[in-house]
């Protein structure tokens, strides 16, 4: 497995710690568990959907938690009935799937339909963080302020 050395980037950037941690952690995820399967879709400029295939689960057996910059989906099947499986191809094992969310991405809702859990996400940047145009004054404006202060 190839290791990515981010040392040169650490020396020339400030405040990107979380981004570099995510890049370093991504190498560890590649050999991980792929259950349950999921899709991440962009459905608008600042709108996203995460869909998880949860065949055999009911909404009561699944929980969705948004905390800081992490979305966590967990599932645990209720106790099995008294029946005996001859073959069980539909997985019912417990799972925990975590998604890292970018800054200002919020969970707006979730619904369960036909074995698919869909979670709506929206990126809402506060007005104070959006780019704004700054008016450029002339030298006369600076002199007027200095005279008023005196």
N, C-alpha and C. Protein backbone atom coordinates (compact mmCIF):
# COMPACT_ATOMS: atom_id res chain seq x y z
N UNK A 1 0.83 -1.17 0.00
CA UNK A 1 0.00 0.00 0.00
C UNK A 1 0.88 1.24 0.00
N UNK A 2 0.58 2.20 -0.84
CA UNK A 2 1.35 3.42 -0.95
C UNK A 2 0.94 4.40 0.14
N UNK A 3 1.95 5.00 0.79
CA UNK A 3 1.68 5.97 1.83
C UNK A 3 1.90 7.36 1.28
N UNK A 4 0.98 8.26 1.56
CA UNK A 4 1.06 9.63 1.10
C UNK A 4 1.70 10.48 2.18
N UNK A 5 2.81 11.16 1.86
CA UNK A 5 3.50 12.01 2.82
C UNK A 5 2.99 13.44 2.68
N UNK A 6 2.30 13.93 3.70
CA UNK A 6 1.72 15.26 3.66
C UNK A 6 2.58 16.31 4.36
N UNK A 7 3.80 15.95 4.76
CA UNK A 7 4.66 16.86 5.50
C UNK A 7 4.88 18.21 4.80
N UNK A 8 5.15 18.24 3.49
CA UNK A 8 5.34 19.55 2.85
C UNK A 8 4.10 20.45 2.94
N UNK A 9 2.92 19.86 2.91
CA UNK A 9 1.71 20.66 3.01
C UNK A 9 1.50 21.20 4.43
N UNK A 10 1.89 20.43 5.44
CA UNK A 10 1.76 20.88 6.83
C UNK A 10 2.59 22.14 7.06
N UNK A 11 3.75 22.24 6.40
CA UNK A 11 4.65 23.37 6.64
C UNK A 11 4.13 24.66 6.04
N UNK A 12 3.27 24.58 5.02
CA UNK A 12 2.86 25.79 4.30
C UNK A 12 1.38 26.12 4.45
N UNK A 13 0.67 25.47 5.34
CA UNK A 13 -0.75 25.75 5.50
C UNK A 13 -1.07 25.95 6.98
N UNK A 14 -2.12 26.69 7.22
CA UNK A 14 -2.57 26.94 8.58
C UNK A 14 -4.07 26.68 8.63
N UNK A 15 -4.51 25.89 9.58
CA UNK A 15 -5.94 25.68 9.78
C UNK A 15 -6.55 24.57 8.96
N UNK A 16 -5.73 23.76 8.28
CA UNK A 16 -6.26 22.66 7.47
C UNK A 16 -6.05 21.32 8.15
N UNK A 17 -5.88 21.32 9.46
CA UNK A 17 -5.58 20.09 10.20
C UNK A 17 -6.60 18.99 9.93
N UNK A 18 -7.88 19.34 9.98
CA UNK A 18 -8.94 18.34 9.81
C UNK A 18 -8.88 17.73 8.41
N UNK A 19 -8.61 18.53 7.40
CA UNK A 19 -8.52 18.03 6.03
C UNK A 19 -7.40 17.01 5.90
N UNK A 20 -6.24 17.32 6.47
CA UNK A 20 -5.11 16.39 6.38
C UNK A 20 -5.38 15.12 7.17
N UNK A 21 -6.05 15.24 8.30
CA UNK A 21 -6.42 14.04 9.07
C UNK A 21 -7.34 13.14 8.25
N UNK A 22 -8.30 13.75 7.54
CA UNK A 22 -9.20 12.97 6.70
C UNK A 22 -8.43 12.26 5.58
N UNK A 23 -7.48 12.95 4.97
CA UNK A 23 -6.68 12.32 3.90
C UNK A 23 -5.86 11.15 4.43
N UNK A 24 -5.26 11.33 5.60
CA UNK A 24 -4.47 10.25 6.18
C UNK A 24 -5.34 9.06 6.55
N UNK A 25 -6.53 9.34 7.08
CA UNK A 25 -7.44 8.27 7.49
C UNK A 25 -8.02 7.53 6.29
N UNK A 26 -8.10 8.18 5.14
CA UNK A 26 -8.72 7.55 3.97
C UNK A 26 -7.96 6.29 3.55
N UNK A 27 -6.68 6.23 3.77
CA UNK A 27 -5.90 5.04 3.44
C UNK A 27 -6.29 3.86 4.30
N UNK A 28 -6.73 4.11 5.51
CA UNK A 28 -7.13 3.04 6.42
C UNK A 28 -8.51 2.48 6.06
N UNK A 29 -9.34 3.28 5.40
CA UNK A 29 -10.70 2.85 5.09
C UNK A 29 -10.77 1.91 3.91
N UNK A 30 -9.77 1.93 3.05
CA UNK A 30 -9.87 1.20 1.78
C UNK A 30 -10.08 -0.30 1.97
N UNK A 31 -9.57 -0.88 3.04
CA UNK A 31 -9.73 -2.31 3.24
C UNK A 31 -10.83 -2.65 4.22
N UNK A 32 -11.67 -1.70 4.54
CA UNK A 32 -12.67 -1.88 5.58
C UNK A 32 -13.92 -2.59 5.12
N UNK A 33 -14.87 -2.62 6.00
CA UNK A 33 -16.16 -3.26 5.78
C UNK A 33 -17.01 -2.40 4.85
N UNK A 34 -17.66 -3.02 3.89
CA UNK A 34 -18.48 -2.30 2.92
C UNK A 34 -19.96 -2.43 3.21
N UNK A 35 -20.33 -2.81 4.42
CA UNK A 35 -21.73 -3.01 4.75
C UNK A 35 -22.23 -1.88 5.62
N UNK A 36 -23.37 -1.35 5.39
CA UNK A 36 -24.27 -1.57 4.26
C UNK A 36 -23.82 -0.75 3.05
N UNK A 37 -24.19 -1.18 1.85
CA UNK A 37 -23.83 -0.40 0.67
C UNK A 37 -24.56 0.94 0.68
N UNK A 38 -23.91 1.97 0.12
CA UNK A 38 -24.51 3.30 0.13
C UNK A 38 -24.12 4.08 -1.12
N UNK A 39 -24.89 5.13 -1.38
CA UNK A 39 -24.62 6.09 -2.45
C UNK A 39 -24.59 7.48 -1.85
N UNK A 40 -23.77 8.34 -2.41
CA UNK A 40 -23.78 9.77 -2.07
C UNK A 40 -24.03 10.51 -3.36
N UNK A 41 -25.12 11.28 -3.39
CA UNK A 41 -25.52 12.00 -4.61
C UNK A 41 -25.52 13.50 -4.36
N UNK A 42 -25.13 14.23 -5.38
CA UNK A 42 -25.28 15.68 -5.36
C UNK A 42 -26.56 15.98 -6.13
N UNK A 43 -27.55 16.58 -5.46
CA UNK A 43 -28.85 16.81 -6.09
C UNK A 43 -29.10 18.30 -6.34
N UNK A 44 -28.14 19.14 -6.05
CA UNK A 44 -28.25 20.57 -6.27
C UNK A 44 -26.92 21.23 -5.97
N UNK A 45 -26.87 22.54 -6.12
CA UNK A 45 -25.63 23.28 -5.88
C UNK A 45 -25.08 23.01 -4.48
N UNK A 46 -25.94 23.08 -3.48
CA UNK A 46 -25.53 22.86 -2.10
C UNK A 46 -26.39 21.81 -1.40
N UNK A 47 -26.91 20.85 -2.17
CA UNK A 47 -27.78 19.81 -1.62
C UNK A 47 -27.21 18.43 -1.97
N UNK A 48 -27.25 17.53 -0.99
CA UNK A 48 -26.72 16.19 -1.17
C UNK A 48 -27.69 15.18 -0.56
N UNK A 49 -27.58 13.93 -0.99
CA UNK A 49 -28.35 12.84 -0.41
C UNK A 49 -27.42 11.64 -0.20
N UNK A 50 -27.55 11.05 0.96
CA UNK A 50 -26.87 9.80 1.26
C UNK A 50 -27.96 8.74 1.32
N UNK A 51 -27.82 7.67 0.54
CA UNK A 51 -28.80 6.58 0.53
C UNK A 51 -28.10 5.29 0.93
N UNK A 52 -28.69 4.57 1.88
CA UNK A 52 -28.14 3.29 2.33
C UNK A 52 -29.15 2.19 2.06
N UNK A 53 -28.68 1.08 1.51
CA UNK A 53 -29.54 -0.09 1.25
C UNK A 53 -29.61 -0.91 2.53
N UNK A 54 -30.79 -0.91 3.15
CA UNK A 54 -30.97 -1.59 4.43
C UNK A 54 -32.06 -2.64 4.35
N UNK A 55 -31.92 -3.56 3.42
CA UNK A 55 -32.91 -4.63 3.26
C UNK A 55 -33.03 -5.42 4.56
N UNK A 56 -34.27 -5.65 4.97
CA UNK A 56 -34.52 -6.44 6.17
C UNK A 56 -34.60 -5.63 7.44
N UNK A 57 -34.23 -4.34 7.40
CA UNK A 57 -34.31 -3.49 8.59
C UNK A 57 -35.61 -2.68 8.54
N UNK A 58 -36.09 -2.31 9.71
CA UNK A 58 -37.24 -1.41 9.81
C UNK A 58 -36.74 -0.07 10.34
N UNK A 59 -37.50 0.99 10.18
CA UNK A 59 -37.06 2.30 10.70
C UNK A 59 -36.78 2.28 12.21
N UNK A 60 -37.48 1.44 12.97
CA UNK A 60 -37.25 1.37 14.41
C UNK A 60 -35.90 0.75 14.76
N UNK A 61 -35.31 0.02 13.84
CA UNK A 61 -34.04 -0.66 14.09
C UNK A 61 -32.83 0.14 13.61
N UNK A 62 -33.08 1.35 13.10
CA UNK A 62 -32.02 2.19 12.56
C UNK A 62 -32.04 3.54 13.25
N UNK A 63 -30.85 4.08 13.56
CA UNK A 63 -30.77 5.42 14.13
C UNK A 63 -29.81 6.27 13.30
N UNK A 64 -30.16 7.54 13.15
CA UNK A 64 -29.33 8.51 12.43
C UNK A 64 -28.99 9.62 13.41
N UNK A 65 -27.68 9.90 13.56
CA UNK A 65 -27.22 10.91 14.50
C UNK A 65 -26.28 11.88 13.80
N UNK A 66 -26.53 13.17 13.96
CA UNK A 66 -25.63 14.20 13.44
C UNK A 66 -24.99 14.89 14.63
N UNK A 67 -23.67 14.86 14.67
CA UNK A 67 -22.94 15.47 15.78
C UNK A 67 -21.72 16.17 15.24
N UNK A 68 -21.63 17.47 15.44
CA UNK A 68 -20.57 18.32 14.92
C UNK A 68 -20.41 18.09 13.43
N UNK A 69 -19.33 17.49 13.00
CA UNK A 69 -19.10 17.30 11.57
C UNK A 69 -19.16 15.82 11.17
N UNK A 70 -19.93 15.03 11.91
CA UNK A 70 -20.03 13.61 11.63
C UNK A 70 -21.49 13.18 11.59
N UNK A 71 -21.82 12.41 10.56
CA UNK A 71 -23.14 11.79 10.44
C UNK A 71 -22.94 10.30 10.70
N UNK A 72 -23.69 9.75 11.64
CA UNK A 72 -23.56 8.34 12.00
C UNK A 72 -24.90 7.64 11.79
N UNK A 73 -24.85 6.53 11.09
CA UNK A 73 -26.04 5.70 10.88
C UNK A 73 -25.73 4.34 11.51
N UNK A 74 -26.60 3.92 12.43
CA UNK A 74 -26.41 2.65 13.12
C UNK A 74 -27.67 1.80 12.98
N UNK A 75 -27.47 0.50 12.91
CA UNK A 75 -28.60 -0.41 12.81
C UNK A 75 -28.36 -1.67 13.61
N UNK A 76 -29.41 -2.14 14.24
CA UNK A 76 -29.35 -3.38 15.01
C UNK A 76 -30.70 -4.07 14.89
N UNK A 77 -30.69 -5.28 14.37
CA UNK A 77 -31.93 -6.05 14.20
C UNK A 77 -32.48 -6.44 15.56
N UNK A 78 -33.81 -6.48 15.62
CA UNK A 78 -34.48 -6.97 16.82
C UNK A 78 -34.20 -8.47 16.93
N UNK A 79 -34.50 -9.01 18.05
CA UNK A 79 -34.28 -10.45 18.27
C UNK A 79 -34.98 -11.27 17.19
N UNK A 80 -34.28 -12.29 16.73
CA UNK A 80 -34.86 -13.16 15.70
C UNK A 80 -36.01 -13.97 16.29
N UNK A 81 -36.93 -14.31 15.42
CA UNK A 81 -38.07 -15.13 15.85
C UNK A 81 -37.65 -16.57 16.08
N UNK A 82 -38.63 -17.41 16.25
CA UNK A 82 -38.34 -18.81 16.55
C UNK A 82 -38.12 -19.64 15.28
N UNK A 83 -38.15 -18.99 14.09
CA UNK A 83 -37.98 -19.74 12.85
C UNK A 83 -36.51 -20.06 12.61
N UNK A 84 -36.29 -21.07 11.79
CA UNK A 84 -34.94 -21.52 11.47
C UNK A 84 -34.69 -21.26 9.99
N UNK A 85 -33.60 -20.58 9.68
CA UNK A 85 -33.26 -20.29 8.28
C UNK A 85 -32.61 -21.50 7.63
N UNK A 86 -33.03 -21.84 6.44
CA UNK A 86 -32.33 -22.84 5.64
C UNK A 86 -31.20 -22.16 4.88
N UNK A 87 -31.44 -20.93 4.49
CA UNK A 87 -30.40 -20.09 3.86
C UNK A 87 -30.73 -18.64 4.19
N UNK A 88 -29.73 -17.88 4.66
CA UNK A 88 -29.95 -16.48 4.98
C UNK A 88 -28.99 -15.63 4.16
N UNK A 89 -29.51 -15.06 3.08
CA UNK A 89 -28.71 -14.21 2.20
C UNK A 89 -28.86 -12.74 2.49
N UNK A 90 -29.92 -12.37 3.21
CA UNK A 90 -30.13 -10.97 3.58
C UNK A 90 -29.47 -10.76 4.93
N UNK A 91 -28.45 -9.91 4.92
CA UNK A 91 -27.69 -9.69 6.14
C UNK A 91 -28.53 -8.99 7.19
N UNK A 92 -28.36 -9.40 8.42
CA UNK A 92 -29.06 -8.75 9.53
C UNK A 92 -28.09 -8.41 10.64
N UNK A 93 -26.82 -8.32 10.29
CA UNK A 93 -25.82 -8.01 11.31
C UNK A 93 -25.87 -6.53 11.69
N UNK A 94 -25.48 -6.22 12.91
CA UNK A 94 -25.45 -4.81 13.32
C UNK A 94 -24.39 -4.05 12.52
N UNK A 95 -24.62 -2.77 12.33
CA UNK A 95 -23.65 -1.96 11.57
C UNK A 95 -23.58 -0.56 12.16
N UNK A 96 -22.50 0.09 11.82
CA UNK A 96 -22.29 1.50 12.16
C UNK A 96 -21.51 2.12 11.01
N UNK A 97 -22.12 3.05 10.31
CA UNK A 97 -21.49 3.71 9.16
C UNK A 97 -21.37 5.20 9.50
N UNK A 98 -20.16 5.75 9.38
CA UNK A 98 -19.92 7.16 9.70
C UNK A 98 -19.50 7.92 8.45
N UNK A 99 -20.03 9.13 8.32
CA UNK A 99 -19.70 10.01 7.21
C UNK A 99 -19.18 11.33 7.79
N UNK A 100 -18.06 11.81 7.29
CA UNK A 100 -17.55 13.10 7.70
C UNK A 100 -18.20 14.17 6.85
N UNK A 101 -18.72 15.20 7.49
CA UNK A 101 -19.41 16.27 6.79
C UNK A 101 -18.51 17.50 6.71
N UNK A 102 -18.59 18.19 5.59
CA UNK A 102 -17.83 19.42 5.41
C UNK A 102 -18.42 20.51 6.31
N UNK A 103 -17.69 21.60 6.45
CA UNK A 103 -18.18 22.73 7.24
C UNK A 103 -19.51 23.21 6.69
N UNK A 104 -20.41 23.55 7.58
CA UNK A 104 -21.73 24.12 7.29
C UNK A 104 -22.70 23.15 6.61
N UNK A 105 -22.38 21.85 6.56
CA UNK A 105 -23.31 20.87 6.02
C UNK A 105 -24.17 20.36 7.17
N UNK A 106 -25.49 20.46 6.99
CA UNK A 106 -26.43 20.06 8.03
C UNK A 106 -27.39 19.01 7.50
N UNK A 107 -27.83 18.13 8.40
CA UNK A 107 -28.83 17.13 8.06
C UNK A 107 -30.19 17.80 8.12
N UNK A 108 -30.95 17.71 7.03
CA UNK A 108 -32.27 18.34 6.97
C UNK A 108 -33.40 17.34 7.16
N UNK A 109 -33.15 16.07 6.98
CA UNK A 109 -34.20 15.08 7.17
C UNK A 109 -33.76 13.71 6.70
N UNK A 110 -34.54 12.71 7.07
CA UNK A 110 -34.26 11.33 6.66
C UNK A 110 -35.58 10.59 6.53
N UNK A 111 -35.63 9.66 5.57
CA UNK A 111 -36.82 8.84 5.42
C UNK A 111 -36.42 7.45 4.96
N UNK A 112 -37.30 6.50 5.26
CA UNK A 112 -37.08 5.09 4.97
C UNK A 112 -38.18 4.63 4.04
N UNK A 113 -37.80 4.12 2.86
CA UNK A 113 -38.79 3.68 1.89
C UNK A 113 -38.23 2.52 1.07
N UNK A 114 -38.99 1.43 0.99
CA UNK A 114 -38.62 0.26 0.20
C UNK A 114 -37.21 -0.25 0.49
N UNK A 115 -36.85 -0.31 1.76
CA UNK A 115 -35.55 -0.84 2.15
C UNK A 115 -34.39 0.12 1.96
N UNK A 116 -34.68 1.38 1.60
CA UNK A 116 -33.63 2.39 1.40
C UNK A 116 -33.81 3.50 2.41
N UNK A 117 -32.74 3.80 3.14
CA UNK A 117 -32.72 4.96 4.03
C UNK A 117 -32.08 6.10 3.25
N UNK A 118 -32.78 7.23 3.14
CA UNK A 118 -32.25 8.39 2.43
C UNK A 118 -32.15 9.55 3.41
N UNK A 119 -30.99 10.22 3.40
CA UNK A 119 -30.73 11.34 4.30
C UNK A 119 -30.43 12.57 3.46
N UNK A 120 -31.18 13.65 3.69
CA UNK A 120 -30.97 14.91 2.98
C UNK A 120 -29.97 15.77 3.73
N UNK A 121 -29.00 16.30 2.99
CA UNK A 121 -27.98 17.18 3.55
C UNK A 121 -27.97 18.48 2.76
N UNK A 122 -27.77 19.59 3.46
CA UNK A 122 -27.71 20.90 2.82
C UNK A 122 -26.53 21.67 3.39
N UNK A 123 -25.79 22.32 2.50
CA UNK A 123 -24.68 23.18 2.94
C UNK A 123 -25.20 24.60 2.97
N UNK A 124 -25.27 25.18 4.17
CA UNK A 124 -25.76 26.54 4.35
C UNK A 124 -24.65 27.37 4.97
N UNK A 125 -23.98 28.14 4.13
CA UNK A 125 -22.89 28.99 4.59
C UNK A 125 -23.50 30.26 5.20
N UNK A 126 -23.11 30.63 6.43
CA UNK A 126 -23.64 31.85 7.04
C UNK A 126 -23.27 33.08 6.21
N UNK A 127 -24.13 34.09 6.26
CA UNK A 127 -23.89 35.32 5.49
C UNK A 127 -22.53 35.92 5.81
N UNK A 128 -22.12 35.86 7.07
CA UNK A 128 -20.83 36.44 7.47
C UNK A 128 -19.65 35.74 6.81
N UNK A 129 -19.83 34.49 6.39
CA UNK A 129 -18.75 33.72 5.79
C UNK A 129 -18.73 33.80 4.26
N UNK A 130 -19.80 34.33 3.67
CA UNK A 130 -19.86 34.43 2.21
C UNK A 130 -18.98 35.58 1.74
N UNK A 131 -18.42 35.46 0.54
CA UNK A 131 -17.59 36.55 0.03
C UNK A 131 -18.42 37.82 -0.17
N UNK A 132 -17.81 38.96 0.12
CA UNK A 132 -18.50 40.23 -0.10
C UNK A 132 -17.52 41.21 -0.70
N UNK A 133 -18.04 42.13 -1.46
CA UNK A 133 -17.22 43.12 -2.14
C UNK A 133 -16.96 44.27 -1.19
N UNK A 134 -15.71 44.69 -1.10
CA UNK A 134 -15.30 45.79 -0.23
C UNK A 134 -15.09 47.02 -1.09
N UNK A 135 -15.74 48.12 -0.71
CA UNK A 135 -15.58 49.38 -1.44
C UNK A 135 -14.19 49.94 -1.16
N UNK A 136 -13.56 50.46 -2.19
CA UNK A 136 -12.23 51.04 -2.06
C UNK A 136 -12.38 52.56 -2.07
N UNK A 137 -11.96 53.19 -0.99
CA UNK A 137 -12.06 54.64 -0.87
C UNK A 137 -10.84 55.34 -1.46
N UNK A 138 -10.90 56.66 -1.48
CA UNK A 138 -9.77 57.47 -1.96
C UNK A 138 -9.01 58.01 -0.77
N UNK A 139 -7.86 58.61 -1.01
CA UNK A 139 -7.04 59.18 0.05
C UNK A 139 -7.77 60.27 0.81
N UNK A 140 -8.69 61.03 0.17
CA UNK A 140 -9.42 62.11 0.82
C UNK A 140 -10.27 61.58 1.98
N UNK A 141 -10.84 60.39 1.82
CA UNK A 141 -11.68 59.80 2.85
C UNK A 141 -10.87 59.57 4.13
N UNK A 142 -9.63 59.11 4.00
CA UNK A 142 -8.76 58.85 5.14
C UNK A 142 -8.44 60.16 5.85
N UNK A 143 -8.20 61.24 5.11
CA UNK A 143 -7.86 62.54 5.73
C UNK A 143 -9.05 63.09 6.48
N UNK A 144 -10.26 62.91 5.97
CA UNK A 144 -11.48 63.39 6.65
C UNK A 144 -11.63 62.67 7.98
N UNK A 145 -11.40 61.36 8.02
CA UNK A 145 -11.51 60.60 9.28
C UNK A 145 -10.48 61.09 10.28
N UNK A 146 -9.24 61.37 9.83
CA UNK A 146 -8.19 61.84 10.73
C UNK A 146 -8.55 63.21 11.32
N UNK A 147 -9.14 64.12 10.53
CA UNK A 147 -9.51 65.46 11.02
C UNK A 147 -10.63 65.35 12.04
N UNK A 148 -11.56 64.43 11.83
CA UNK A 148 -12.67 64.28 12.77
C UNK A 148 -12.18 63.72 14.09
N UNK A 149 -11.17 62.88 14.07
CA UNK A 149 -10.64 62.28 15.30
C UNK A 149 -9.87 63.29 16.12
N UNK A 150 -9.32 64.32 15.49
CA UNK A 150 -8.49 65.32 16.19
C UNK A 150 -9.27 66.31 16.98
